């Protein structure tokens, strides 16, 4: 494993990793207190780091080796001897927020699925991937944000599913160019769409129907998540609600654009994301 700069603290390393990603998540983190913000940024940096292993390593053997190193590093983290700046940053938050080793290992298992699958045969298989890649992150995040009712964990699970399904729809062309198809193959067959069609910048009616079906599923998960969040935990979980608002707006934009995700990447401007974050945070009142 490479060495790291002695002039940069673990928290600074995570901050740079998170800021460079340009993700919508970063807009939501602004509304947390300093300790929770450091914890969630360290978690997010971990997710980005292991995701980059799969996205940036062209040799599968190298990617496998790096993921195995991260499995060992999680062991070192929970044994109290982390080596990487990200796990060193995470170490301070494991006990206060009761973060489970199993969940970190599940995230790595999700990245492993990206190496084992270039397409998913059906939604149950994709659901396992979404659980590992996103719902588990939601469960860890819910612990960092704080909750008093365990129904909040069901909300966190379903919100993770919704966010991941939105990402899959937004990135369908980009993923196909990299040789990956996340929309279930049996659903492609039902709508008479071939996986290789996603590599081209052409939108047919069958594509729109398929993508509308995917969008409806994501919307259902957003609605289910929202309905399961107890009122007493809404303020604590407002960071997740901000993310839900931003991504639901993105899903709406994809629909208004006629599901032309093969032709261009649909996105929200930074100003619009900041406005949604501010508006959502302001609408959630702190309990008296």
Protein backbone atom coordinates (compact mmCIF):
# COMPACT_ATOMS: atom_id res chain seq x y z
CA UNK A 1 0.00 0.00 0.00
CA UNK A 2 1.34 3.43 -0.83
CA UNK A 3 2.40 5.88 1.85
CA UNK A 4 0.46 9.06 2.60
CA UNK A 5 1.43 12.66 3.19
CA UNK A 6 2.46 13.40 6.77
CA UNK A 7 1.33 17.01 6.31
CA UNK A 8 -2.34 16.10 5.80
CA UNK A 9 -4.47 14.87 8.69
CA UNK A 10 -6.86 11.92 8.19
CA UNK A 11 -9.83 14.31 8.40
CA UNK A 12 -8.26 16.58 5.77
CA UNK A 13 -7.69 13.58 3.50
CA UNK A 14 -11.36 12.62 3.77
CA UNK A 15 -12.47 16.22 3.23
CA UNK A 16 -10.49 16.45 0.01
CA UNK A 17 -11.76 13.08 -1.19
CA UNK A 18 -15.37 14.10 -0.59
CA UNK A 19 -15.00 17.60 -2.05
CA UNK A 20 -13.34 16.32 -5.24
CA UNK A 21 -16.25 14.00 -5.99
CA UNK A 22 -18.67 16.90 -6.56
CA UNK A 23 -21.48 14.69 -5.26
CA UNK A 24 -24.89 15.92 -4.18
CA UNK A 25 -24.20 14.33 -0.80
CA UNK A 26 -21.78 17.13 -0.01
CA UNK A 27 -24.58 19.71 -0.07
CA UNK A 28 -26.50 17.81 2.60
CA UNK A 29 -23.50 17.44 4.92
CA UNK A 30 -23.41 21.20 5.51
CA UNK A 31 -26.36 20.97 7.91
CA UNK A 32 -24.69 18.63 10.42
CA UNK A 33 -22.87 19.51 13.61
CA UNK A 34 -19.04 19.25 13.36
CA UNK A 35 -18.64 15.78 14.90
CA UNK A 36 -21.37 14.18 12.79
CA UNK A 37 -20.06 16.00 9.71
CA UNK A 38 -16.56 14.58 10.24
CA UNK A 39 -18.02 11.10 10.71
CA UNK A 40 -20.22 11.18 7.60
CA UNK A 41 -17.45 12.66 5.46
CA UNK A 42 -15.11 9.86 6.60
CA UNK A 43 -17.79 7.28 5.73
CA UNK A 44 -18.40 8.91 2.36
CA UNK A 45 -14.65 9.02 1.64
CA UNK A 46 -14.45 5.30 2.41
CA UNK A 47 -17.27 4.59 -0.05
CA UNK A 48 -15.60 6.69 -2.74
CA UNK A 49 -12.23 5.01 -2.14
CA UNK A 50 -13.48 1.43 -2.53
CA UNK A 51 -15.71 2.44 -5.46
CA UNK A 52 -12.66 3.94 -7.19
CA UNK A 53 -10.92 0.56 -6.89
CA UNK A 54 -13.49 -0.90 -9.28
CA UNK A 55 -13.86 2.14 -11.53
CA UNK A 56 -10.16 2.93 -11.94
CA UNK A 57 -8.48 -0.51 -11.99
CA UNK A 58 -8.50 -1.97 -15.49
CA UNK A 59 -6.97 -5.26 -14.37
CA UNK A 60 -9.53 -7.38 -12.46
CA UNK A 61 -6.76 -9.16 -10.55
CA UNK A 62 -5.44 -5.83 -9.28
CA UNK A 63 -8.94 -4.72 -8.28
CA UNK A 64 -9.52 -8.00 -6.42
CA UNK A 65 -6.21 -7.57 -4.59
CA UNK A 66 -7.07 -4.01 -3.58
CA UNK A 67 -10.51 -4.98 -2.31
CA UNK A 68 -8.91 -7.78 -0.29
CA UNK A 69 -6.52 -5.20 1.18
CA UNK A 70 -9.51 -3.12 2.21
CA UNK A 71 -11.13 -6.17 3.86
CA UNK A 72 -7.96 -6.58 5.88
CA UNK A 73 -7.90 -2.86 6.63
CA UNK A 74 -11.43 -3.01 8.06
CA UNK A 75 -10.16 -5.76 10.33
CA UNK A 76 -7.30 -3.52 11.41
CA UNK A 77 -9.76 -0.65 11.98
CA UNK A 78 -11.87 -2.70 14.35
CA UNK A 79 -8.74 -4.10 16.03
CA UNK A 80 -7.60 -0.54 16.69
CA UNK A 81 -4.70 -0.41 14.19
CA UNK A 82 -5.88 1.30 10.98
CA UNK A 83 -3.23 2.19 8.41
CA UNK A 84 -5.12 4.27 5.82
CA UNK A 85 -6.04 7.94 6.46
CA UNK A 86 -9.72 7.15 5.86
CA UNK A 87 -9.87 4.35 8.40
CA UNK A 88 -7.80 6.45 10.79
CA UNK A 89 -10.48 9.15 10.47
CA UNK A 90 -13.26 6.59 10.91
CA UNK A 91 -11.67 5.13 14.05
CA UNK A 92 -12.84 8.01 16.25
CA UNK A 93 -16.47 7.44 15.23
CA UNK A 94 -16.88 3.66 15.41
CA UNK A 95 -17.79 3.47 19.09
CA UNK A 96 -19.70 6.78 19.56
CA UNK A 97 -22.04 6.00 16.66
CA UNK A 98 -22.07 2.20 17.06
CA UNK A 99 -20.89 1.56 13.48
CA UNK A 100 -20.90 -2.12 12.59
CA UNK A 101 -17.92 -3.91 11.04
CA UNK A 102 -20.35 -6.11 9.11
CA UNK A 103 -21.73 -3.09 7.25
CA UNK A 104 -18.29 -1.97 6.08
CA UNK A 105 -17.63 -5.49 4.84
CA UNK A 106 -21.00 -5.47 3.03
CA UNK A 107 -20.00 -2.30 1.18
CA UNK A 108 -16.83 -4.02 -0.03
CA UNK A 109 -18.96 -7.03 -1.03
CA UNK A 110 -21.03 -4.62 -3.14
CA UNK A 111 -17.90 -3.44 -4.93
CA UNK A 112 -16.94 -7.10 -5.41
CA UNK A 113 -20.25 -7.63 -7.22
CA UNK A 114 -19.15 -5.01 -9.74
CA UNK A 115 -16.21 -7.27 -10.53
CA UNK A 116 -18.30 -10.45 -10.61
CA UNK A 117 -21.22 -9.10 -12.67
CA UNK A 118 -21.23 -7.02 -15.85
CA UNK A 119 -25.04 -7.34 -15.98
CA UNK A 120 -27.75 -8.31 -13.51
CA UNK A 121 -30.22 -11.03 -14.56
CA UNK A 122 -33.19 -9.87 -12.46
CA UNK A 123 -34.28 -7.38 -9.82
CA UNK A 124 -33.67 -9.67 -6.80
CA UNK A 125 -29.98 -9.90 -7.82
CA UNK A 126 -29.82 -6.15 -8.43
CA UNK A 127 -31.54 -5.58 -5.06
CA UNK A 128 -28.68 -7.34 -3.29
CA UNK A 129 -26.21 -5.08 -5.07
CA UNK A 130 -28.22 -1.97 -4.18
CA UNK A 131 -28.45 -3.10 -0.57
CA UNK A 132 -24.69 -3.54 -0.31
CA UNK A 133 -23.72 -0.47 -2.31
CA UNK A 134 -26.30 1.99 -0.94
CA UNK A 135 -28.75 0.74 1.70
CA UNK A 136 -25.93 -0.31 4.02
CA UNK A 137 -24.46 3.18 3.64
CA UNK A 138 -27.90 4.53 4.56
CA UNK A 139 -27.99 2.36 7.69
CA UNK A 140 -24.55 3.56 8.78
CA UNK A 141 -25.56 7.15 8.03
CA UNK A 142 -28.74 6.83 10.08
CA UNK A 143 -26.64 5.86 13.08
CA UNK A 144 -24.38 8.86 12.57
CA UNK A 145 -27.34 11.25 12.23
CA UNK A 146 -29.07 9.73 15.26
CA UNK A 147 -32.48 8.09 15.77
CA UNK A 148 -34.80 7.03 18.57
CA UNK A 149 -37.16 4.69 16.70
CA UNK A 150 -35.90 1.58 14.90
CA UNK A 151 -38.39 2.18 12.08
CA UNK A 152 -35.89 4.81 10.97
CA UNK A 153 -33.61 1.97 9.86
CA UNK A 154 -36.31 0.76 7.45
CA UNK A 155 -36.50 4.31 6.11
CA UNK A 156 -32.71 4.39 5.68
CA UNK A 157 -32.72 1.06 3.84
CA UNK A 158 -35.41 2.12 1.36
CA UNK A 159 -33.91 5.56 0.81
CA UNK A 160 -30.61 3.90 -0.08
CA UNK A 161 -32.44 1.75 -2.63
CA UNK A 162 -34.14 4.83 -4.11
CA UNK A 163 -30.90 6.79 -4.43
CA UNK A 164 -29.07 3.89 -6.05
CA UNK A 165 -31.87 3.20 -8.53
CA UNK A 166 -31.85 6.89 -9.48
CA UNK A 167 -28.11 6.75 -10.06
CA UNK A 168 -28.50 3.64 -12.22
CA UNK A 169 -31.06 5.39 -14.42
CA UNK A 170 -29.03 8.59 -14.70
CA UNK A 171 -25.80 6.73 -15.55
CA UNK A 172 -27.18 4.00 -17.82
CA UNK A 173 -25.25 5.20 -20.91
CA UNK A 174 -22.02 5.92 -19.03
CA UNK A 175 -22.12 2.49 -17.38
CA UNK A 176 -22.83 0.74 -20.68
CA UNK A 177 -19.80 2.38 -22.28
CA UNK A 178 -17.74 0.90 -19.41
CA UNK A 179 -19.24 -2.52 -20.14
CA UNK A 180 -21.80 -2.63 -17.31
CA UNK A 181 -25.59 -2.91 -17.39
CA UNK A 182 -27.44 -2.50 -14.10
CA UNK A 183 -31.02 -2.52 -15.37
CA UNK A 184 -32.16 -6.16 -14.99
CA UNK A 185 -31.80 -8.20 -18.15
CA UNK A 186 -35.23 -9.83 -17.81
CA UNK A 187 -36.78 -6.34 -17.81
CA UNK A 188 -34.81 -5.38 -20.92
CA UNK A 189 -36.23 -8.47 -22.61
CA UNK A 190 -39.77 -7.54 -21.51
CA UNK A 191 -39.43 -4.10 -23.14
CA UNK A 192 -37.60 -5.52 -26.20
CA UNK A 193 -34.38 -3.60 -25.53
CA UNK A 194 -30.90 -5.07 -26.08
CA UNK A 195 -28.10 -4.17 -23.63
CA UNK A 196 -25.78 -2.95 -26.39
CA UNK A 197 -28.31 -0.26 -27.35
CA UNK A 198 -27.36 1.65 -24.18
CA UNK A 199 -23.95 2.44 -25.69
CA UNK A 200 -25.48 4.67 -28.36
CA UNK A 201 -26.92 8.20 -28.09
CA UNK A 202 -30.31 7.24 -29.51
CA UNK A 203 -33.58 7.13 -27.57
CA UNK A 204 -36.37 4.92 -28.89
CA UNK A 205 -39.89 4.61 -27.50
CA UNK A 206 -39.04 1.21 -26.02
CA UNK A 207 -36.19 2.89 -24.12
CA UNK A 208 -38.54 5.53 -22.73
CA UNK A 209 -41.00 2.86 -21.58
CA UNK A 210 -38.22 0.85 -19.92
CA UNK A 211 -36.74 3.93 -18.23
CA UNK A 212 -40.19 5.11 -17.08
CA UNK A 213 -40.64 1.71 -15.43
CA UNK A 214 -37.29 2.11 -13.63
CA UNK A 215 -38.18 5.65 -12.56
CA UNK A 216 -41.53 4.50 -11.15
CA UNK A 217 -39.76 1.85 -9.07
CA UNK A 218 -37.34 4.44 -7.68
CA UNK A 219 -40.23 6.79 -6.91
CA UNK A 220 -41.98 3.99 -5.02
CA UNK A 221 -38.91 3.52 -2.85
CA UNK A 222 -38.77 7.27 -2.09
CA UNK A 223 -42.44 7.21 -1.06
CA UNK A 224 -42.01 4.08 1.03
CA UNK A 225 -38.93 5.52 2.76
CA UNK A 226 -40.69 8.79 3.56
CA UNK A 227 -43.72 6.97 4.99
CA UNK A 228 -41.55 4.87 7.31
CA UNK A 229 -39.63 7.73 8.93
CA UNK A 230 -41.11 8.44 12.38
CA UNK A 231 -41.90 12.10 13.08
CA UNK A 232 -39.63 12.21 16.12
CA UNK A 233 -36.58 11.32 13.96
CA UNK A 234 -37.23 13.67 11.04
CA UNK A 235 -35.04 16.48 12.37
CA UNK A 236 -32.12 14.18 13.19
CA UNK A 237 -32.43 12.55 9.76
CA UNK A 238 -32.80 15.81 7.81
CA UNK A 239 -29.52 15.20 5.96
CA UNK A 240 -31.05 12.08 4.40
CA UNK A 241 -34.24 13.99 3.65
CA UNK A 242 -32.17 16.65 1.87
CA UNK A 243 -30.58 13.91 -0.24
CA UNK A 244 -34.01 12.48 -1.00
CA UNK A 245 -35.26 15.91 -2.11
CA UNK A 246 -32.25 16.49 -4.39
CA UNK A 247 -32.44 13.06 -5.98
CA UNK A 248 -36.21 13.17 -6.38
CA UNK A 249 -35.74 16.47 -8.21
CA UNK A 250 -33.16 14.75 -10.42
CA UNK A 251 -35.59 11.92 -11.12
CA UNK A 252 -38.24 14.48 -12.04
CA UNK A 253 -35.78 16.23 -14.36
CA UNK A 254 -35.03 12.94 -16.12
CA UNK A 255 -38.76 12.42 -16.68
CA UNK A 256 -39.31 16.00 -17.90
CA UNK A 257 -36.41 15.53 -20.31
CA UNK A 258 -38.22 12.59 -21.90
CA UNK A 259 -35.89 9.95 -20.40
CA UNK A 260 -33.11 10.92 -22.84
CA UNK A 261 -30.41 9.58 -20.51
CA UNK A 262 -28.69 7.84 -23.43
CA UNK A 263 -28.20 11.18 -25.18
CA UNK A 264 -26.76 13.25 -22.34
CA UNK A 265 -26.20 13.18 -18.60
CA UNK A 266 -29.10 14.82 -16.80
CA UNK A 267 -28.01 16.85 -13.78
CA UNK A 268 -29.03 19.64 -11.43
CA UNK A 269 -26.96 22.81 -11.20
CA UNK A 270 -25.00 23.40 -7.96
CA UNK A 271 -27.18 26.42 -7.24
CA UNK A 272 -30.37 24.38 -7.59
CA UNK A 273 -29.00 21.64 -5.32
CA UNK A 274 -28.02 24.21 -2.73
CA UNK A 275 -31.48 25.80 -2.94
CA UNK A 276 -33.19 22.41 -2.50
CA UNK A 277 -30.93 21.62 0.46
CA UNK A 278 -31.63 24.96 2.15
CA UNK A 279 -35.38 24.80 1.49
CA UNK A 280 -35.66 21.22 2.77
CA UNK A 281 -33.58 21.87 5.89
CA UNK A 282 -35.66 24.96 6.68
CA UNK A 283 -38.92 23.02 6.37
CA UNK A 284 -37.94 20.46 9.03
CA UNK A 285 -38.50 21.93 12.47
CA UNK A 286 -36.44 20.96 15.49
CA UNK A 287 -38.63 19.18 18.06
CA UNK A 288 -39.35 21.17 21.20
